[in-house]
PDB file of all heavy atoms in Angstrom:
ATOM      1  N   HIS A   1      21.632 116.741 120.508  1.00  0.00           N
ATOM      2  CA  HIS A   1      22.231 116.932 119.178  1.00  0.00           C
ATOM      3  C   HIS A   1      21.532 116.064 118.148  1.00  0.00           C
ATOM      4  O   HIS A   1      21.186 116.518 117.046  1.00  0.00           O
ATOM      5  CB  HIS A   1      23.721 116.598 119.267  1.00  0.00           C
ATOM      6  CG  HIS A   1      24.443 116.777 117.965  1.00  0.00           C
ATOM      7  ND1 HIS A   1      24.580 115.746 117.063  1.00  0.00           N
ATOM      8  CD2 HIS A   1      25.064 117.862 117.425  1.00  0.00           C
ATOM      9  CE1 HIS A   1      25.252 116.181 116.012  1.00  0.00           C
ATOM     10  NE2 HIS A   1      25.556 117.460 116.203  1.00  0.00           N
ATOM     11  N   ASP A   2      21.307 114.777 118.485  1.00  0.00           N
ATOM     12  CA  ASP A   2      20.633 113.868 117.564  1.00  0.00           C
ATOM     13  C   ASP A   2      19.199 114.300 117.316  1.00  0.00           C
ATOM     14  O   ASP A   2      18.688 114.217 116.195  1.00  0.00           O
ATOM     15  CB  ASP A   2      20.660 112.438 118.126  1.00  0.00           C
ATOM     16  CG  ASP A   2      22.059 111.852 118.131  1.00  0.00           C
ATOM     17  OD1 ASP A   2      22.864 112.256 117.278  1.00  0.00           O
ATOM     18  OD2 ASP A   2      22.346 111.007 118.995  1.00  0.00           O
ATOM     19  N   PHE A   3      18.527 114.768 118.358  1.00  0.00           N
ATOM     20  CA  PHE A   3      17.149 115.231 118.210  1.00  0.00           C
ATOM     21  C   PHE A   3      17.082 116.441 117.289  1.00  0.00           C
ATOM     22  O   PHE A   3      16.187 116.550 116.446  1.00  0.00           O
ATOM     23  CB  PHE A   3      16.559 115.576 119.587  1.00  0.00           C
ATOM     24  CG  PHE A   3      15.163 116.108 119.516  1.00  0.00           C
ATOM     25  CD1 PHE A   3      14.081 115.254 119.335  1.00  0.00           C
ATOM     26  CD2 PHE A   3      14.917 117.481 119.616  1.00  0.00           C
ATOM     27  CE1 PHE A   3      12.785 115.759 119.259  1.00  0.00           C
ATOM     28  CE2 PHE A   3      13.635 117.980 119.531  1.00  0.00           C
ATOM     29  CZ  PHE A   3      12.557 117.116 119.349  1.00  0.00           C
ATOM     30  N   ALA A   4      18.051 117.358 117.445  1.00  0.00           N
ATOM     31  CA  ALA A   4      18.080 118.553 116.601  1.00  0.00           C
ATOM     32  C   ALA A   4      18.276 118.189 115.141  1.00  0.00           C
ATOM     33  O   ALA A   4      17.615 118.748 114.247  1.00  0.00           O
ATOM     34  CB  ALA A   4      19.184 119.494 117.081  1.00  0.00           C
ATOM     35  N   PHE A   5      19.182 117.254 114.872  1.00  0.00           N
ATOM     36  CA  PHE A   5      19.409 116.840 113.491  1.00  0.00           C
ATOM     37  C   PHE A   5      18.199 116.110 112.931  1.00  0.00           C
ATOM     38  O   PHE A   5      17.866 116.254 111.755  1.00  0.00           O
ATOM     39  CB  PHE A   5      20.651 115.943 113.407  1.00  0.00           C
ATOM     40  CG  PHE A   5      21.891 116.706 113.052  1.00  0.00           C
ATOM     41  CD1 PHE A   5      22.738 117.173 114.037  1.00  0.00           C
ATOM     42  CD2 PHE A   5      22.197 116.970 111.737  1.00  0.00           C
ATOM     43  CE1 PHE A   5      23.879 117.887 113.712  1.00  0.00           C
ATOM     44  CE2 PHE A   5      23.331 117.677 111.391  1.00  0.00           C
ATOM     45  CZ  PHE A   5      24.180 118.145 112.389  1.00  0.00           C
ATOM     46  N   SER A   6      17.536 115.303 113.770  1.00  0.00           N
ATOM     47  CA  SER A   6      16.337 114.604 113.322  1.00  0.00           C
ATOM     48  C   SER A   6      15.242 115.593 112.948  1.00  0.00           C
ATOM     49  O   SER A   6      14.558 115.441 111.927  1.00  0.00           O
ATOM     50  CB  SER A   6      15.852 113.650 114.417  1.00  0.00           C
ATOM     51  OG  SER A   6      14.659 113.007 114.027  1.00  0.00           O
ATOM     52  N   ALA A   7      15.069 116.631 113.782  1.00  0.00           N
ATOM     53  CA  ALA A   7      14.065 117.653 113.486  1.00  0.00           C
ATOM     54  C   ALA A   7      14.416 118.409 112.214  1.00  0.00           C
ATOM     55  O   ALA A   7      13.548 118.719 111.383  1.00  0.00           O
ATOM     56  CB  ALA A   7      13.950 118.617 114.672  1.00  0.00           C
ATOM     57  N   LEU A   8      15.704 118.713 112.026  1.00  0.00           N
ATOM     58  CA  LEU A   8      16.150 119.400 110.817  1.00  0.00           C
ATOM     59  C   LEU A   8      15.885 118.552 109.590  1.00  0.00           C
ATOM     60  O   LEU A   8      15.441 119.058 108.546  1.00  0.00           O
ATOM     61  CB  LEU A   8      17.637 119.732 110.938  1.00  0.00           C
ATOM     62  CG  LEU A   8      18.295 120.391 109.708  1.00  0.00           C
ATOM     63  CD1 LEU A   8      17.647 121.747 109.428  1.00  0.00           C
ATOM     64  CD2 LEU A   8      19.788 120.546 109.932  1.00  0.00           C
ATOM     65  N   ALA A   9      16.164 117.242 109.694  1.00  0.00           N
ATOM     66  CA  ALA A   9      15.940 116.339 108.568  1.00  0.00           C
ATOM     67  C   ALA A   9      14.464 116.272 108.208  1.00  0.00           C
ATOM     68  O   ALA A   9      14.093 116.314 107.028  1.00  0.00           O
ATOM     69  CB  ALA A   9      16.469 114.950 108.896  1.00  0.00           C
ATOM     70  N   GLU A  10      13.601 116.174 109.216  1.00  0.00           N
ATOM     71  CA  GLU A  10      12.169 116.101 108.959  1.00  0.00           C
ATOM     72  C   GLU A  10      11.659 117.396 108.337  1.00  0.00           C
ATOM     73  O   GLU A  10      10.844 117.383 107.404  1.00  0.00           O
ATOM     74  CB  GLU A  10      11.424 115.802 110.256  1.00  0.00           C
ATOM     75  CG  GLU A  10      11.668 114.399 110.795  1.00  0.00           C
ATOM     76  CD  GLU A  10      10.915 114.159 112.089  1.00  0.00           C
ATOM     77  OE1 GLU A  10      10.146 115.057 112.504  1.00  0.00           O
ATOM     78  OE2 GLU A  10      11.105 113.084 112.685  1.00  0.00           O
ATOM     79  N   ARG A  11      12.140 118.533 108.818  1.00  0.00           N
ATOM     80  CA  ARG A  11      11.713 119.808 108.276  1.00  0.00           C
ATOM     81  C   ARG A  11      12.194 119.982 106.834  1.00  0.00           C
ATOM     82  O   ARG A  11      11.474 120.482 105.976  1.00  0.00           O
ATOM     83  CB  ARG A  11      12.240 120.946 109.156  1.00  0.00           C
ATOM     84  CG  ARG A  11      11.730 122.336 108.736  1.00  0.00           C
ATOM     85  CD  ARG A  11      11.980 123.373 109.806  1.00  0.00           C
ATOM     86  NE  ARG A  11      13.402 123.548 110.087  1.00  0.00           N
ATOM     87  CZ  ARG A  11      13.995 123.125 111.197  1.00  0.00           C
ATOM     88  NH1 ARG A  11      13.293 122.485 112.138  1.00  0.00           N
ATOM     89  NH2 ARG A  11      15.286 123.325 111.389  1.00  0.00           N
ATOM     90  N   SER A  12      13.412 119.528 106.564  1.00  0.00           N
ATOM     91  CA  SER A  12      13.948 119.628 105.205  1.00  0.00           C
ATOM     92  C   SER A  12      13.173 118.746 104.246  1.00  0.00           C
ATOM     93  O   SER A  12      12.937 119.128 103.094  1.00  0.00           O
ATOM     94  CB  SER A  12      15.430 119.244 105.197  1.00  0.00           C
ATOM     95  OG  SER A  12      15.944 119.263 103.889  1.00  0.00           O
ATOM     96  N   ASP A  13      12.767 117.563 104.709  1.00  0.00           N
ATOM     97  CA  ASP A  13      12.004 116.664 103.849  1.00  0.00           C
ATOM     98  C   ASP A  13      10.605 117.194 103.557  1.00  0.00           C
ATOM     99  O   ASP A  13      10.079 117.010 102.457  1.00  0.00           O
ATOM    100  CB  ASP A  13      11.913 115.272 104.480  1.00  0.00           C
ATOM    101  CG  ASP A  13      13.232 114.511 104.385  1.00  0.00           C
ATOM    102  OD1 ASP A  13      14.161 115.025 103.732  1.00  0.00           O
ATOM    103  OD2 ASP A  13      13.330 113.421 104.973  1.00  0.00           O
ATOM    104  N   SER A  14      10.000 117.839 104.533  1.00  0.00           N
ATOM    105  CA  SER A  14       8.636 118.351 104.350  1.00  0.00           C
ATOM    106  C   SER A  14       8.617 119.687 103.615  1.00  0.00           C
ATOM    107  O   SER A  14       7.681 119.975 102.866  1.00  0.00           O
ATOM    108  CB  SER A  14       7.942 118.493 105.708  1.00  0.00           C
ATOM    109  OG  SER A  14       8.646 119.407 106.536  1.00  0.00           O
ATOM    110  N   GLN A  15       9.661 120.519 103.819  1.00  0.00           N
ATOM    111  CA  GLN A  15       9.747 121.818 103.165  1.00  0.00           C
ATOM    112  C   GLN A  15      11.152 122.001 102.576  1.00  0.00           C
ATOM    113  O   GLN A  15      11.958 122.777 103.072  1.00  0.00           O
ATOM    114  CB  GLN A  15       9.439 122.942 104.165  1.00  0.00           C
ATOM    115  CG  GLN A  15       8.021 122.889 104.716  1.00  0.00           C
ATOM    116  CD  GLN A  15       7.788 123.987 105.733  1.00  0.00           C
ATOM    117  OE1 GLN A  15       8.712 124.418 106.434  1.00  0.00           O
ATOM    118  NE2 GLN A  15       6.553 124.457 105.820  1.00  0.00           N
ATOM    119  N   PRO A  16      11.468 121.290 101.488  1.00  0.00           N
ATOM    120  CA  PRO A  16      12.834 121.317 100.954  1.00  0.00           C
ATOM    121  C   PRO A  16      13.177 122.666 100.343  1.00  0.00           C
ATOM    122  O   PRO A  16      12.329 123.346  99.761  1.00  0.00           O
ATOM    123  CB  PRO A  16      12.812 120.225  99.893  1.00  0.00           C
ATOM    124  CG  PRO A  16      11.383 120.130  99.468  1.00  0.00           C
ATOM    125  CD  PRO A  16      10.575 120.414 100.707  1.00  0.00           C
ATOM    126  N   ALA A  17      14.436 123.037 100.476  1.00  0.00           N
ATOM    127  CA  ALA A  17      14.930 124.239  99.816  1.00  0.00           C
ATOM    128  C   ALA A  17      14.903 124.032  98.304  1.00  0.00           C
ATOM    129  O   ALA A  17      14.921 122.898  97.802  1.00  0.00           O
ATOM    130  CB  ALA A  17      16.342 124.547 100.287  1.00  0.00           C
ATOM    131  N   ALA A  18      14.894 125.142  97.580  1.00  0.00           N
ATOM    132  CA  ALA A  18      14.771 125.068  96.124  1.00  0.00           C
ATOM    133  C   ALA A  18      15.897 124.259  95.491  1.00  0.00           C
ATOM    134  O   ALA A  18      15.677 123.501  94.535  1.00  0.00           O
ATOM    135  CB  ALA A  18      14.729 126.477  95.546  1.00  0.00           C
ATOM    136  N   TRP A  19      17.132 124.405  96.029  1.00  0.00           N
ATOM    137  CA  TRP A  19      18.259 123.711  95.421  1.00  0.00           C
ATOM    138  C   TRP A  19      18.195 122.205  95.641  1.00  0.00           C
ATOM    139  O   TRP A  19      18.832 121.429  94.919  1.00  0.00           O
ATOM    140  CB  TRP A  19      19.578 124.258  95.947  1.00  0.00           C
ATOM    141  CG  TRP A  19      19.849 123.976  97.402  1.00  0.00           C
ATOM    142  CD1 TRP A  19      19.536 124.768  98.461  1.00  0.00           C
ATOM    143  CD2 TRP A  19      20.495 122.821  97.951  1.00  0.00           C
ATOM    144  NE1 TRP A  19      19.938 124.187  99.647  1.00  0.00           N
ATOM    145  CE2 TRP A  19      20.536 123.003  99.355  1.00  0.00           C
ATOM    146  CE3 TRP A  19      21.040 121.665  97.399  1.00  0.00           C
ATOM    147  CZ2 TRP A  19      21.095 122.056 100.216  1.00  0.00           C
ATOM    148  CZ3 TRP A  19      21.609 120.717  98.242  1.00  0.00           C
ATOM    149  CH2 TRP A  19      21.628 120.921  99.630  1.00  0.00           C
ATOM    150  N   ARG A  20      17.390 121.771  96.635  1.00  0.00           N
ATOM    151  CA  ARG A  20      17.260 120.340  96.900  1.00  0.00           C
ATOM    152  C   ARG A  20      16.250 119.656  95.975  1.00  0.00           C
ATOM    153  O   ARG A  20      16.297 118.437  95.807  1.00  0.00           O
ATOM    154  CB  ARG A  20      16.839 120.101  98.352  1.00  0.00           C
ATOM    155  CG  ARG A  20      17.929 120.372  99.378  1.00  0.00           C
ATOM    156  CD  ARG A  20      17.428 120.114 100.787  1.00  0.00           C
ATOM    157  NE  ARG A  20      18.513 120.214 101.751  1.00  0.00           N
ATOM    158  CZ  ARG A  20      19.272 119.198 102.152  1.00  0.00           C
ATOM    159  NH1 ARG A  20      19.047 117.989 101.663  1.00  0.00           N
ATOM    160  NH2 ARG A  20      20.251 119.369 103.008  1.00  0.00           N
ATOM    161  N   ARG A  21      15.357 120.419  95.401  1.00  0.00           N
ATOM    162  CA  ARG A  21      14.251 119.806  94.663  1.00  0.00           C
ATOM    163  C   ARG A  21      14.697 118.996  93.454  1.00  0.00           C
ATOM    164  O   ARG A  21      14.148 117.920  93.186  1.00  0.00           O
ATOM    165  CB  ARG A  21      13.236 120.883  94.271  1.00  0.00           C
ATOM    166  CG  ARG A  21      12.465 121.401  95.484  1.00  0.00           C
ATOM    167  CD  ARG A  21      11.650 122.632  95.190  1.00  0.00           C
ATOM    168  NE  ARG A  21      11.103 123.177  96.433  1.00  0.00           N
ATOM    169  CZ  ARG A  21      10.634 124.401  96.563  1.00  0.00           C
ATOM    170  NH1 ARG A  21      10.654 125.227  95.512  1.00  0.00           N
ATOM    171  NH2 ARG A  21      10.161 124.823  97.718  1.00  0.00           N
ATOM    172  N   PRO A  22      15.716 119.446  92.667  1.00  0.00           N
ATOM    173  CA  PRO A  22      16.184 118.572  91.567  1.00  0.00           C
ATOM    174  C   PRO A  22      16.730 117.235  92.069  1.00  0.00           C
ATOM    175  O   PRO A  22      16.520 116.202  91.421  1.00  0.00           O
ATOM    176  CB  PRO A  22      17.280 119.412  90.908  1.00  0.00           C
ATOM    177  CG  PRO A  22      16.948 120.824  91.263  1.00  0.00           C
ATOM    178  CD  PRO A  22      16.360 120.759  92.634  1.00  0.00           C
ATOM    179  N   PHE A  23      17.383 117.248  93.215  1.00  0.00           N
ATOM    180  CA  PHE A  23      17.878 115.994  93.786  1.00  0.00           C
ATOM    181  C   PHE A  23      16.722 115.096  94.205  1.00  0.00           C
ATOM    182  O   PHE A  23      16.783 113.869  94.032  1.00  0.00           O
ATOM    183  CB  PHE A  23      18.778 116.282  94.992  1.00  0.00           C
ATOM    184  CG  PHE A  23      20.115 116.853  94.632  1.00  0.00           C
ATOM    185  CD1 PHE A  23      20.319 118.220  94.623  1.00  0.00           C
ATOM    186  CD2 PHE A  23      21.175 116.029  94.297  1.00  0.00           C
ATOM    187  CE1 PHE A  23      21.549 118.761  94.285  1.00  0.00           C
ATOM    188  CE2 PHE A  23      22.412 116.546  93.959  1.00  0.00           C
ATOM    189  CZ  PHE A  23      22.602 117.923  93.953  1.00  0.00           C
ATOM    190  N   LEU A  24      15.678 115.702  94.763  1.00  0.00           N
ATOM    191  CA  LEU A  24      14.527 114.914  95.189  1.00  0.00           C
ATOM    192  C   LEU A  24      13.826 114.289  93.985  1.00  0.00           C
ATOM    193  O   LEU A  24      13.392 113.129  94.045  1.00  0.00           O
ATOM    194  CB  LEU A  24      13.558 115.792  95.978  1.00  0.00           C
ATOM    195  CG  LEU A  24      14.106 116.353  97.302  1.00  0.00           C
ATOM    196  CD1 LEU A  24      13.102 117.287  97.949  1.00  0.00           C
ATOM    197  CD2 LEU A  24      14.465 115.222  98.257  1.00  0.00           C
ATOM    198  N   ARG A  25      13.720 115.042  92.876  1.00  0.00           N
ATOM    199  CA  ARG A  25      13.129 114.473  91.665  1.00  0.00           C
ATOM    200  C   ARG A  25      13.985 113.323  91.137  1.00  0.00           C
ATOM    201  O   ARG A  25      13.457 112.317  90.644  1.00  0.00           O
ATOM    202  CB  ARG A  25      12.966 115.556  90.601  1.00  0.00           C
ATOM    203  CG  ARG A  25      11.818 116.525  90.883  1.00  0.00           C
ATOM    204  CD  ARG A  25      11.475 117.362  89.658  1.00  0.00           C
ATOM    205  NE  ARG A  25      12.539 118.295  89.318  1.00  0.00           N
ATOM    206  CZ  ARG A  25      12.630 119.527  89.828  1.00  0.00           C
ATOM    207  NH1 ARG A  25      11.733 119.964  90.693  1.00  0.00           N
ATOM    208  NH2 ARG A  25      13.626 120.322  89.457  1.00  0.00           N
ATOM    209  N   TRP A  26      15.300 113.519  91.231  1.00  0.00           N
ATOM    210  CA  TRP A  26      16.204 112.435  90.810  1.00  0.00           C
ATOM    211  C   TRP A  26      16.006 111.199  91.669  1.00  0.00           C
ATOM    212  O   TRP A  26      15.910 110.083  91.151  1.00  0.00           O
ATOM    213  CB  TRP A  26      17.647 112.936  90.884  1.00  0.00           C
ATOM    214  CG  TRP A  26      18.669 111.849  90.785  1.00  0.00           C
ATOM    215  CD1 TRP A  26      18.892 111.030  89.729  1.00  0.00           C
ATOM    216  CD2 TRP A  26      19.594 111.461  91.799  1.00  0.00           C
ATOM    217  NE1 TRP A  26      19.916 110.149  90.010  1.00  0.00           N
ATOM    218  CE2 TRP A  26      20.368 110.398  91.274  1.00  0.00           C
ATOM    219  CE3 TRP A  26      19.873 111.921  93.087  1.00  0.00           C
ATOM    220  CZ2 TRP A  26      21.377 109.789  92.000  1.00  0.00           C
ATOM    221  CZ3 TRP A  26      20.870 111.315  93.813  1.00  0.00           C
ATOM    222  CH2 TRP A  26      21.610 110.254  93.278  1.00  0.00           C
TER     223      TRP A  26
END
């Protein structure tokens, strides 16, 4: 479970969804 979430977090950071990008700029 922890490994899956870690992989999801890394993938989200490298290829963020469009709705996340304003938060990342912030």
